[in-house]
Amino acid sequence: MATCGKDDADALLSARELLGITLLGLEEDREDIPTPSKLSALSLAPNQLSALIDVYMPAVRLAGVNKAVTRTVTIPAWLNAAALAQGFDFSEVLQEALKERLGIEA
């Protein structure tokens, strides 16, 4: 598999997405997951890099399941007041923050 990106972080994100989708497809088709390649066994052009890519499959499997769940959170009163004054959508802010922390682009 090969992927690219506008910078290293973008390329890594693209690689994770590609690997996750590929592994999910193999799982759904009940096919064997191939043994990972050794980095030392790869032949690369001068402008190419190799990297170990990890992917958390439970998150990939659930990505297609877009069922909302309710969570109770506790935040300082002053932070709540400031966010309400600015009209923040707490659900949207929490989702964006969790995706950023988890390295998920959606």
PDB file of N, CA and C in Angstrom:
ATOM      1  N   MET A   1       0.837  -1.172   0.000  1.00  0.00           N
ATOM      2  CA  MET A   1       0.000   0.000   0.000  1.00  0.00           C
ATOM      3  C   MET A   1       0.881   1.232   0.000  1.00  0.00           C
ATOM      4  N   ALA A   2       0.411   2.266  -0.613  1.00  0.00           N
ATOM      5  CA  ALA A   2       1.137   3.527  -0.622  1.00  0.00           C
ATOM      6  C   ALA A   2       0.124   4.657  -0.524  1.00  0.00           C
ATOM      7  N   THR A   3       0.542   5.738   0.087  1.00  0.00           N
ATOM      8  CA  THR A   3      -0.308   6.914   0.216  1.00  0.00           C
ATOM      9  C   THR A   3       0.591   8.135   0.235  1.00  0.00           C
ATOM     10  N   CYS A   4      -0.007   9.302   0.226  1.00  0.00           N
ATOM     11  CA  CYS A   4       0.783  10.533   0.253  1.00  0.00           C
ATOM     12  C   CYS A   4       0.004  11.587   1.031  1.00  0.00           C
ATOM     13  N   GLY A   5       0.631  12.735   1.220  1.00  0.00           N
ATOM     14  CA  GLY A   5      -0.016  13.835   1.918  1.00  0.00           C
ATOM     15  C   GLY A   5       0.737  15.117   1.678  1.00  0.00           C
ATOM     16  N   LYS A   6       0.124  16.229   2.065  1.00  0.00           N
ATOM     17  CA  LYS A   6       0.765  17.529   1.847  1.00  0.00           C
ATOM     18  C   LYS A   6       1.951  17.733   2.779  1.00  0.00           C
ATOM     19  N   ASP A   7       1.974  16.996   3.906  1.00  0.00           N
ATOM     20  CA  ASP A   7       3.116  17.013   4.829  1.00  0.00           C
ATOM     21  C   ASP A   7       3.143  15.658   5.541  1.00  0.00           C
ATOM     22  N   ASP A   8       4.127  15.460   6.417  1.00  0.00           N
ATOM     23  CA  ASP A   8       4.264  14.159   7.079  1.00  0.00           C
ATOM     24  C   ASP A   8       3.028  13.782   7.889  1.00  0.00           C
ATOM     25  N   ALA A   9       2.462  14.737   8.616  1.00  0.00           N
ATOM     26  CA  ALA A   9       1.287  14.447   9.443  1.00  0.00           C
ATOM     27  C   ALA A   9       0.094  14.045   8.580  1.00  0.00           C
ATOM     28  N   ASP A  10      -0.091  14.736   7.468  1.00  0.00           N
ATOM     29  CA  ASP A  10      -1.192  14.425   6.561  1.00  0.00           C
ATOM     30  C   ASP A  10      -0.988  13.057   5.911  1.00  0.00           C
ATOM     31  N   ALA A  11       0.248  12.749   5.550  1.00  0.00           N
ATOM     32  CA  ALA A  11       0.548  11.438   4.959  1.00  0.00           C
ATOM     33  C   ALA A  11       0.293  10.320   5.964  1.00  0.00           C
ATOM     34  N   LEU A  12       0.663  10.541   7.219  1.00  0.00           N
ATOM     35  CA  LEU A  12       0.430   9.540   8.260  1.00  0.00           C
ATOM     36  C   LEU A  12      -1.066   9.318   8.472  1.00  0.00           C
ATOM     37  N   LEU A  13      -1.829  10.389   8.499  1.00  0.00           N
ATOM     38  CA  LEU A  13      -3.279  10.273   8.647  1.00  0.00           C
ATOM     39  C   LEU A  13      -3.879   9.507   7.471  1.00  0.00           C
ATOM     40  N   SER A  14      -3.434   9.832   6.263  1.00  0.00           N
ATOM     41  CA  SER A  14      -3.923   9.126   5.077  1.00  0.00           C
ATOM     42  C   SER A  14      -3.574   7.647   5.137  1.00  0.00           C
ATOM     43  N   ALA A  15      -2.371   7.338   5.607  1.00  0.00           N
ATOM     44  CA  ALA A  15      -1.942   5.943   5.716  1.00  0.00           C
ATOM     45  C   ALA A  15      -2.795   5.189   6.732  1.00  0.00           C
ATOM     46  N   ARG A  16      -3.096   5.827   7.859  1.00  0.00           N
ATOM     47  CA  ARG A  16      -3.949   5.183   8.869  1.00  0.00           C
ATOM     48  C   ARG A  16      -5.341   4.905   8.314  1.00  0.00           C
ATOM     49  N   GLU A  17      -5.888   5.888   7.612  1.00  0.00           N
ATOM     50  CA  GLU A  17      -7.221   5.709   7.031  1.00  0.00           C
ATOM     51  C   GLU A  17      -7.215   4.575   6.013  1.00  0.00           C
ATOM     52  N   LEU A  18      -6.199   4.554   5.144  1.00  0.00           N
ATOM     53  CA  LEU A  18      -6.108   3.507   4.130  1.00  0.00           C
ATOM     54  C   LEU A  18      -5.951   2.132   4.766  1.00  0.00           C
ATOM     55  N   LEU A  19      -5.076   2.028   5.750  1.00  0.00           N
ATOM     56  CA  LEU A  19      -4.865   0.748   6.422  1.00  0.00           C
ATOM     57  C   LEU A  19      -6.142   0.286   7.127  1.00  0.00           C
ATOM     58  N   GLY A  20      -6.806   1.196   7.818  1.00  0.00           N
ATOM     59  CA  GLY A  20      -8.038   0.843   8.521  1.00  0.00           C
ATOM     60  C   GLY A  20      -9.123   0.355   7.583  1.00  0.00           C
ATOM     61  N   ILE A  21      -9.318   1.062   6.485  1.00  0.00           N
ATOM     62  CA  ILE A  21     -10.347   0.671   5.516  1.00  0.00           C
ATOM     63  C   ILE A  21      -9.999  -0.667   4.874  1.00  0.00           C
ATOM     64  N   THR A  22      -8.723  -0.853   4.560  1.00  0.00           N
ATOM     65  CA  THR A  22      -8.285  -2.108   3.940  1.00  0.00           C
ATOM     66  C   THR A  22      -8.481  -3.286   4.888  1.00  0.00           C
ATOM     67  N   LEU A  23      -8.052  -3.131   6.142  1.00  0.00           N
ATOM     68  CA  LEU A  23      -8.217  -4.209   7.120  1.00  0.00           C
ATOM     69  C   LEU A  23      -9.689  -4.505   7.381  1.00  0.00           C
ATOM     70  N   LEU A  24     -10.500  -3.462   7.448  1.00  0.00           N
ATOM     71  CA  LEU A  24     -11.934  -3.656   7.662  1.00  0.00           C
ATOM     72  C   LEU A  24     -12.545  -4.445   6.509  1.00  0.00           C
ATOM     73  N   GLY A  25     -12.153  -4.115   5.292  1.00  0.00           N
ATOM     74  CA  GLY A  25     -12.648  -4.848   4.128  1.00  0.00           C
ATOM     75  C   GLY A  25     -12.260  -6.319   4.178  1.00  0.00           C
ATOM     76  N   LEU A  26     -11.012  -6.589   4.570  1.00  0.00           N
ATOM     77  CA  LEU A  26     -10.566  -7.981   4.696  1.00  0.00           C
ATOM     78  C   LEU A  26     -11.369  -8.712   5.769  1.00  0.00           C
ATOM     79  N   GLU A  27     -11.612  -8.039   6.897  1.00  0.00           N
ATOM     80  CA  GLU A  27     -12.408  -8.652   7.970  1.00  0.00           C
ATOM     81  C   GLU A  27     -13.821  -8.968   7.492  1.00  0.00           C
ATOM     82  N   GLU A  28     -14.443  -7.991   6.835  1.00  0.00           N
ATOM     83  CA  GLU A  28     -15.824  -8.173   6.381  1.00  0.00           C
ATOM     84  C   GLU A  28     -15.933  -9.291   5.352  1.00  0.00           C
ATOM     85  N   ASP A  29     -14.901  -9.446   4.519  1.00  0.00           N
ATOM     86  CA  ASP A  29     -14.891 -10.503   3.503  1.00  0.00           C
ATOM     87  C   ASP A  29     -14.365 -11.827   4.052  1.00  0.00           C
ATOM     88  N   ARG A  30     -14.033 -11.834   5.348  1.00  0.00           N
ATOM     89  CA  ARG A  30     -13.495 -13.023   6.022  1.00  0.00           C
ATOM     90  C   ARG A  30     -12.237 -13.556   5.337  1.00  0.00           C
ATOM     91  N   GLU A  31     -11.406 -12.615   4.902  1.00  0.00           N
ATOM     92  CA  GLU A  31     -10.130 -12.977   4.285  1.00  0.00           C
ATOM     93  C   GLU A  31      -9.024 -12.870   5.325  1.00  0.00           C
ATOM     94  N   ASP A  32      -7.943 -13.598   5.078  1.00  0.00           N
ATOM     95  CA  ASP A  32      -6.797 -13.537   5.978  1.00  0.00           C
ATOM     96  C   ASP A  32      -6.125 -12.176   5.889  1.00  0.00           C
ATOM     97  N   ILE A  33      -5.685 -11.691   7.028  1.00  0.00           N
ATOM     98  CA  ILE A  33      -4.927 -10.437   7.060  1.00  0.00           C
ATOM     99  C   ILE A  33      -3.461 -10.793   6.839  1.00  0.00           C
ATOM    100  N   PRO A  34      -2.839 -10.195   5.817  1.00  0.00           N
ATOM    101  CA  PRO A  34      -1.451 -10.553   5.510  1.00  0.00           C
ATOM    102  C   PRO A  34      -0.484 -10.141   6.612  1.00  0.00           C
ATOM    103  N   THR A  35       0.625 -10.834   6.670  1.00  0.00           N
ATOM    104  CA  THR A  35       1.691 -10.490   7.605  1.00  0.00           C
ATOM    105  C   THR A  35       2.282  -9.147   7.181  1.00  0.00           C
ATOM    106  N   PRO A  36       2.517  -8.241   8.118  1.00  0.00           N
ATOM    107  CA  PRO A  36       3.088  -6.934   7.763  1.00  0.00           C
ATOM    108  C   PRO A  36       4.469  -7.084   7.126  1.00  0.00           C
ATOM    109  N   SER A  37       4.773  -6.181   6.207  1.00  0.00           N
ATOM    110  CA  SER A  37       6.094  -6.155   5.576  1.00  0.00           C
ATOM    111  C   SER A  37       7.124  -5.629   6.558  1.00  0.00           C
ATOM    112  N   LYS A  38       8.339  -6.097   6.420  1.00  0.00           N
ATOM    113  CA  LYS A  38       9.440  -5.544   7.212  1.00  0.00           C
ATOM    114  C   LYS A  38       9.939  -4.300   6.490  1.00  0.00           C
ATOM    115  N   LEU A  39      10.174  -3.235   7.229  1.00  0.00           N
ATOM    116  CA  LEU A  39      10.644  -1.998   6.609  1.00  0.00           C
ATOM    117  C   LEU A  39      11.937  -2.228   5.839  1.00  0.00           C
ATOM    118  N   SER A  40      12.788  -3.088   6.344  1.00  0.00           N
ATOM    119  CA  SER A  40      14.072  -3.346   5.688  1.00  0.00           C
ATOM    120  C   SER A  40      13.911  -4.071   4.352  1.00  0.00           C
ATOM    121  N   ALA A  41      12.751  -4.668   4.112  1.00  0.00           N
ATOM    122  CA  ALA A  41      12.525  -5.411   2.873  1.00  0.00           C
ATOM    123  C   ALA A  41      11.934  -4.546   1.763  1.00  0.00           C
ATOM    124  N   LEU A  42      11.631  -3.301   2.049  1.00  0.00           N
ATOM    125  CA  LEU A  42      10.999  -2.426   1.067  1.00  0.00           C
ATOM    126  C   LEU A  42      12.034  -1.778   0.163  1.00  0.00           C
ATOM    127  N   SER A  43      11.693  -1.666  -1.119  1.00  0.00           N
ATOM    128  CA  SER A  43      12.526  -0.932  -2.075  1.00  0.00           C
ATOM    129  C   SER A  43      11.872   0.420  -2.297  1.00  0.00           C
ATOM    130  N   LEU A  44      12.595   1.470  -1.987  1.00  0.00           N
ATOM    131  CA  LEU A  44      12.027   2.814  -2.064  1.00  0.00           C
ATOM    132  C   LEU A  44      12.808   3.685  -3.035  1.00  0.00           C
ATOM    133  N   ALA A  45      12.082   4.574  -3.687  1.00  0.00           N
ATOM    134  CA  ALA A  45      12.715   5.592  -4.520  1.00  0.00           C
ATOM    135  C   ALA A  45      13.313   6.650  -3.593  1.00  0.00           C
ATOM    136  N   PRO A  46      14.241   7.460  -4.100  1.00  0.00           N
ATOM    137  CA  PRO A  46      14.877   8.479  -3.247  1.00  0.00           C
ATOM    138  C   PRO A  46      13.892   9.455  -2.596  1.00  0.00           C
ATOM    139  N   ASN A  47      12.749   9.683  -3.239  1.00  0.00           N
ATOM    140  CA  ASN A  47      11.775  10.638  -2.696  1.00  0.00           C
ATOM    141  C   ASN A  47      10.691   9.959  -1.862  1.00  0.00           C
ATOM    142  N   GLN A  48      10.885   8.688  -1.493  1.00  0.00           N
ATOM    143  CA  GLN A  48       9.893   7.951  -0.719  1.00  0.00           C
ATOM    144  C   GLN A  48      10.420   7.646   0.680  1.00  0.00           C
ATOM    145  N   LEU A  49       9.482   7.500   1.618  1.00  0.00           N
ATOM    146  CA  LEU A  49       9.798   7.132   2.996  1.00  0.00           C
ATOM    147  C   LEU A  49       8.929   5.952   3.393  1.00  0.00           C
ATOM    148  N   SER A  50       9.408   5.167   4.319  1.00  0.00           N
ATOM    149  CA  SER A  50       8.584   4.103   4.885  1.00  0.00           C
ATOM    150  C   SER A  50       8.333   4.431   6.347  1.00  0.00           C
ATOM    151  N   ALA A  51       7.222   3.937   6.865  1.00  0.00           N
ATOM    152  CA  ALA A  51       6.879   4.197   8.265  1.00  0.00           C
ATOM    153  C   ALA A  51       6.004   3.065   8.778  1.00  0.00           C
ATOM    154  N   LEU A  52       6.126   2.795  10.068  1.00  0.00           N
ATOM    155  CA  LEU A  52       5.218   1.857  10.712  1.00  0.00           C
ATOM    156  C   LEU A  52       3.905   2.587  10.975  1.00  0.00           C
ATOM    157  N   ILE A  53       2.808   1.974  10.614  1.00  0.00           N
ATOM    158  CA  ILE A  53       1.491   2.592  10.768  1.00  0.00           C
ATOM    159  C   ILE A  53       0.669   1.747  11.730  1.00  0.00           C
ATOM    160  N   ASP A  54       0.072   2.406  12.713  1.00  0.00           N
ATOM    161  CA  ASP A  54      -0.830   1.715  13.621  1.00  0.00           C
ATOM    162  C   ASP A  54      -2.249   2.193  13.359  1.00  0.00           C
ATOM    163  N   VAL A  55      -3.187   1.328  13.641  1.00  0.00           N
ATOM    164  CA  VAL A  55      -4.584   1.694  13.488  1.00  0.00           C
ATOM    165  C   VAL A  55      -5.365   0.973  14.583  1.00  0.00           C
ATOM    166  N   TYR A  56      -6.272   1.693  15.227  1.00  0.00           N
ATOM    167  CA  TYR A  56      -7.097   1.134  16.293  1.00  0.00           C
ATOM    168  C   TYR A  56      -8.400   0.652  15.668  1.00  0.00           C
ATOM    169  N   MET A  57      -8.481  -0.645  15.414  1.00  0.00           N
ATOM    170  CA  MET A  57      -9.597  -1.202  14.663  1.00  0.00           C
ATOM    171  C   MET A  57     -10.968  -1.037  15.326  1.00  0.00           C
ATOM    172  N   PRO A  58     -11.097  -1.088  16.658  1.00  0.00           N
ATOM    173  CA  PRO A  58     -12.436  -0.853  17.216  1.00  0.00           C
ATOM    174  C   PRO A  58     -13.026   0.493  16.777  1.00  0.00           C
ATOM    175  N   ALA A  59     -12.200   1.511  16.694  1.00  0.00           N
ATOM    176  CA  ALA A  59     -12.692   2.819  16.247  1.00  0.00           C
ATOM    177  C   ALA A  59     -13.069   2.780  14.771  1.00  0.00           C
ATOM    178  N   VAL A  60     -12.283   2.071  13.965  1.00  0.00           N
ATOM    179  CA  VAL A  60     -12.584   1.954  12.534  1.00  0.00           C
ATOM    180  C   VAL A  60     -13.902   1.214  12.343  1.00  0.00           C
ATOM    181  N   ARG A  61     -14.081   0.128  13.095  1.00  0.00           N
ATOM    182  CA  ARG A  61     -15.315  -0.650  12.976  1.00  0.00           C
ATOM    183  C   ARG A  61     -16.544   0.167  13.364  1.00  0.00           C
ATOM    184  N   LEU A  62     -16.389   1.010  14.365  1.00  0.00           N
ATOM    185  CA  LEU A  62     -17.526   1.805  14.838  1.00  0.00           C
ATOM    186  C   LEU A  62     -17.752   3.075  14.023  1.00  0.00           C
ATOM    187  N   ALA A  63     -16.794   3.443  13.182  1.00  0.00           N
ATOM    188  CA  ALA A  63     -16.911   4.695  12.426  1.00  0.00           C
ATOM    189  C   ALA A  63     -18.158   4.707  11.549  1.00  0.00           C
ATOM    190  N   GLY A  64     -18.530   3.553  11.027  1.00  0.00           N
ATOM    191  CA  GLY A  64     -19.724   3.476  10.199  1.00  0.00           C
ATOM    192  C   GLY A  64     -21.006   3.501  11.003  1.00  0.00           C
ATOM    193  N   VAL A  65     -20.898   3.259  12.280  1.00  0.00           N
ATOM    194  CA  VAL A  65     -22.058   3.281  13.166  1.00  0.00           C
ATOM    195  C   VAL A  65     -22.127   4.678  13.767  1.00  0.00           C
ATOM    196  N   ASN A  66     -23.044   5.464  13.285  1.00  0.00           N
ATOM    197  CA  ASN A  66     -23.092   6.866  13.690  1.00  0.00           C
ATOM    198  C   ASN A  66     -24.205   7.116  14.700  1.00  0.00           C
ATOM    199  N   LYS A  67     -24.391   6.191  15.612  1.00  0.00           N
ATOM    200  CA  LYS A  67     -25.416   6.337  16.639  1.00  0.00           C
ATOM    201  C   LYS A  67     -24.884   7.262  17.732  1.00  0.00           C
ATOM    202  N   ALA A  68     -25.648   8.261  18.070  1.00  0.00           N
ATOM    203  CA  ALA A  68     -25.240   9.190  19.126  1.00  0.00           C
ATOM    204  C   ALA A  68     -25.469   8.554  20.495  1.00  0.00           C
ATOM    205  N   VAL A  69     -24.565   8.824  21.399  1.00  0.00           N
ATOM    206  CA  VAL A  69     -24.707   8.374  22.782  1.00  0.00           C
ATOM    207  C   VAL A  69     -24.652   9.599  23.684  1.00  0.00           C
ATOM    208  N   THR A  70     -25.299   9.510  24.820  1.00  0.00           N
ATOM    209  CA  THR A  70     -25.322  10.612  25.775  1.00  0.00           C
ATOM    210  C   THR A  70     -24.230  10.402  26.810  1.00  0.00           C
ATOM    211  N   ARG A  71     -23.466  11.465  27.079  1.00  0.00           N
ATOM    212  CA  ARG A  71     -22.408  11.436  28.083  1.00  0.00           C
ATOM    213  C   ARG A  71     -22.624  12.614  29.023  1.00  0.00           C
ATOM    214  N   THR A  72     -22.380  12.380  30.283  1.00  0.00           N
ATOM    215  CA  THR A  72     -22.435  13.452  31.270  1.00  0.00           C
ATOM    216  C   THR A  72     -21.008  13.879  31.558  1.00  0.00           C
ATOM    217  N   VAL A  73     -20.767  15.173  31.464  1.00  0.00           N
ATOM    218  CA  VAL A  73     -19.421  15.686  31.738  1.00  0.00           C
ATOM    219  C   VAL A  73     -19.492  16.724  32.848  1.00  0.00           C
ATOM    220  N   THR A  74     -18.403  16.881  33.544  1.00  0.00           N
ATOM    221  CA  THR A  74     -18.307  17.872  34.610  1.00  0.00           C
ATOM    222  C   THR A  74     -17.225  18.867  34.227  1.00  0.00           C
ATOM    223  N   ILE A  75     -17.604  20.148  34.218  1.00  0.00           N
ATOM    224  CA  ILE A  75     -16.648  21.213  33.915  1.00  0.00           C
ATOM    225  C   ILE A  75     -16.811  22.316  34.954  1.00  0.00           C
ATOM    226  N   PRO A  76     -15.806  23.150  35.129  1.00  0.00           N
ATOM    227  CA  PRO A  76     -15.926  24.255  36.084  1.00  0.00           C
ATOM    228  C   PRO A  76     -17.064  25.205  35.683  1.00  0.00           C
ATOM    229  N   ALA A  77     -17.730  25.759  36.669  1.00  0.00           N
ATOM    230  CA  ALA A  77     -18.866  26.655  36.423  1.00  0.00           C
ATOM    231  C   ALA A  77     -18.467  27.848  35.565  1.00  0.00           C
ATOM    232  N   TRP A  78     -17.277  28.416  35.821  1.00  0.00           N
ATOM    233  CA  TRP A  78     -16.848  29.585  35.048  1.00  0.00           C
ATOM    234  C   TRP A  78     -16.659  29.234  33.571  1.00  0.00           C
ATOM    235  N   LEU A  79     -16.175  27.994  33.291  1.00  0.00           N
ATOM    236  CA  LEU A  79     -15.970  27.564  31.911  1.00  0.00           C
ATOM    237  C   LEU A  79     -17.316  27.343  31.225  1.00  0.00           C
ATOM    238  N   ASN A  80     -18.262  26.784  31.955  1.00  0.00           N
ATOM    239  CA  ASN A  80     -19.610  26.598  31.435  1.00  0.00           C
ATOM    240  C   ASN A  80     -20.237  27.946  31.080  1.00  0.00           C
ATOM    241  N   ALA A  81     -20.125  28.915  31.989  1.00  0.00           N
ATOM    242  CA  ALA A  81     -20.705  30.244  31.758  1.00  0.00           C
ATOM    243  C   ALA A  81     -20.075  30.914  30.543  1.00  0.00           C
ATOM    244  N   ALA A  82     -18.758  30.821  30.421  1.00  0.00           N
ATOM    245  CA  ALA A  82     -18.065  31.446  29.291  1.00  0.00           C
ATOM    246  C   ALA A  82     -18.481  30.795  27.970  1.00  0.00           C
ATOM    247  N   ALA A  83     -18.610  29.479  27.967  1.00  0.00           N
ATOM    248  CA  ALA A  83     -19.001  28.772  26.749  1.00  0.00           C
ATOM    249  C   ALA A  83     -20.442  29.093  26.363  1.00  0.00           C
ATOM    250  N   LEU A  84     -21.328  29.150  27.354  1.00  0.00           N
ATOM    251  CA  LEU A  84     -22.718  29.508  27.076  1.00  0.00           C
ATOM    252  C   LEU A  84     -22.819  30.927  26.536  1.00  0.00           C
ATOM    253  N   ALA A  85     -22.027  31.836  27.101  1.00  0.00           N
ATOM    254  CA  ALA A  85     -22.040  33.228  26.643  1.00  0.00           C
ATOM    255  C   ALA A  85     -21.605  33.340  25.185  1.00  0.00           C
ATOM    256  N   GLN A  86     -20.722  32.461  24.768  1.00  0.00           N
ATOM    257  CA  GLN A  86     -20.246  32.469  23.381  1.00  0.00           C
ATOM    258  C   GLN A  86     -21.141  31.638  22.455  1.00  0.00           C
ATOM    259  N   GLY A  87     -22.132  30.968  23.028  1.00  0.00           N
ATOM    260  CA  GLY A  87     -23.057  30.173  22.223  1.00  0.00           C
ATOM    261  C   GLY A  87     -22.478  28.868  21.698  1.00  0.00           C
ATOM    262  N   PHE A  88     -21.499  28.307  22.406  1.00  0.00           N
ATOM    263  CA  PHE A  88     -20.886  27.052  21.973  1.00  0.00           C
ATOM    264  C   PHE A  88     -21.879  25.903  22.039  1.00  0.00           C
ATOM    265  N   ASP A  89     -21.792  25.019  21.075  1.00  0.00           N
ATOM    266  CA  ASP A  89     -22.533  23.762  21.079  1.00  0.00           C
ATOM    267  C   ASP A  89     -21.619  22.754  21.771  1.00  0.00           C
ATOM    268  N   PHE A  90     -21.943  22.393  23.005  1.00  0.00           N
ATOM    269  CA  PHE A  90     -21.072  21.532  23.807  1.00  0.00           C
ATOM    270  C   PHE A  90     -20.803  20.189  23.124  1.00  0.00           C
ATOM    271  N   SER A  91     -21.817  19.625  22.516  1.00  0.00           N
ATOM    272  CA  SER A  91     -21.651  18.342  21.840  1.00  0.00           C
ATOM    273  C   SER A  91     -20.651  18.461  20.690  1.00  0.00           C
ATOM    274  N   GLU A  92     -20.782  19.519  19.918  1.00  0.00           N
ATOM    275  CA  GLU A  92     -19.877  19.740  18.781  1.00  0.00           C
ATOM    276  C   GLU A  92     -18.441  19.963  19.253  1.00  0.00           C
ATOM    277  N   VAL A  93     -18.269  20.777  20.285  1.00  0.00           N
ATOM    278  CA  VAL A  93     -16.932  21.062  20.814  1.00  0.00           C
ATOM    279  C   VAL A  93     -16.283  19.788  21.355  1.00  0.00           C
ATOM    280  N   LEU A  94     -17.044  18.989  22.090  1.00  0.00           N
ATOM    281  CA  LEU A  94     -16.501  17.749  22.640  1.00  0.00           C
ATOM    282  C   LEU A  94     -16.116  16.779  21.525  1.00  0.00           C
ATOM    283  N   GLN A  95     -16.967  16.649  20.521  1.00  0.00           N
ATOM    284  CA  GLN A  95     -16.652  15.760  19.401  1.00  0.00           C
ATOM    285  C   GLN A  95     -15.384  16.204  18.680  1.00  0.00           C
ATOM    286  N   GLU A  96     -15.266  17.506  18.407  1.00  0.00           N
ATOM    287  CA  GLU A  96     -14.078  18.023  17.723  1.00  0.00           C
ATOM    288  C   GLU A  96     -12.821  17.774  18.550  1.00  0.00           C
ATOM    289  N   ALA A  97     -12.906  18.015  19.851  1.00  0.00           N
ATOM    290  CA  ALA A  97     -11.742  17.826  20.724  1.00  0.00           C
ATOM    291  C   ALA A  97     -11.337  16.355  20.795  1.00  0.00           C
ATOM    292  N   LEU A  98     -12.304  15.462  20.902  1.00  0.00           N
ATOM    293  CA  LEU A  98     -11.997  14.032  20.959  1.00  0.00           C
ATOM    294  C   LEU A  98     -11.372  13.552  19.652  1.00  0.00           C
ATOM    295  N   LYS A  99     -11.909  13.994  18.530  1.00  0.00           N
ATOM    296  CA  LYS A  99     -11.344  13.603  17.235  1.00  0.00           C
ATOM    297  C   LYS A  99      -9.916  14.111  17.090  1.00  0.00           C
ATOM    298  N   GLU A 100      -9.673  15.343  17.522  1.00  0.00           N
ATOM    299  CA  GLU A 100      -8.322  15.901  17.448  1.00  0.00           C
ATOM    300  C   GLU A 100      -7.359  15.095  18.314  1.00  0.00           C
ATOM    301  N   ARG A 101      -7.754  14.811  19.546  1.00  0.00           N
ATOM    302  CA  ARG A 101      -6.902  14.044  20.463  1.00  0.00           C
ATOM    303  C   ARG A 101      -6.623  12.636  19.947  1.00  0.00           C
ATOM    304  N   LEU A 102      -7.617  12.046  19.264  1.00  0.00           N
ATOM    305  CA  LEU A 102      -7.481  10.681  18.763  1.00  0.00           C
ATOM    306  C   LEU A 102      -6.855  10.620  17.372  1.00  0.00           C
ATOM    307  N   GLY A 103      -6.631  11.796  16.768  1.00  0.00           N
ATOM    308  CA  GLY A 103      -6.047  11.821  15.432  1.00  0.00           C
ATOM    309  C   GLY A 103      -7.007  11.347  14.356  1.00  0.00           C
ATOM    310  N   ILE A 104      -8.294  11.635  14.564  1.00  0.00           N
ATOM    311  CA  ILE A 104      -9.325  11.201  13.621  1.00  0.00           C
ATOM    312  C   ILE A 104      -9.783  12.403  12.817  1.00  0.00           C
ATOM    313  N   GLU A 105      -9.752  12.249  11.504  1.00  0.00           N
ATOM    314  CA  GLU A 105     -10.245  13.310  10.635  1.00  0.00           C
ATOM    315  C   GLU A 105     -11.554  12.831  10.038  1.00  0.00           C
ATOM    316  N   ALA A 106     -12.602  13.601  10.254  1.00  0.00           N
ATOM    317  CA  ALA A 106     -13.899  13.176   9.723  1.00  0.00           C
ATOM    318  C   ALA A 106     -14.637  14.349   9.134  1.00  0.00           C
TER     319      ALA A 106
END
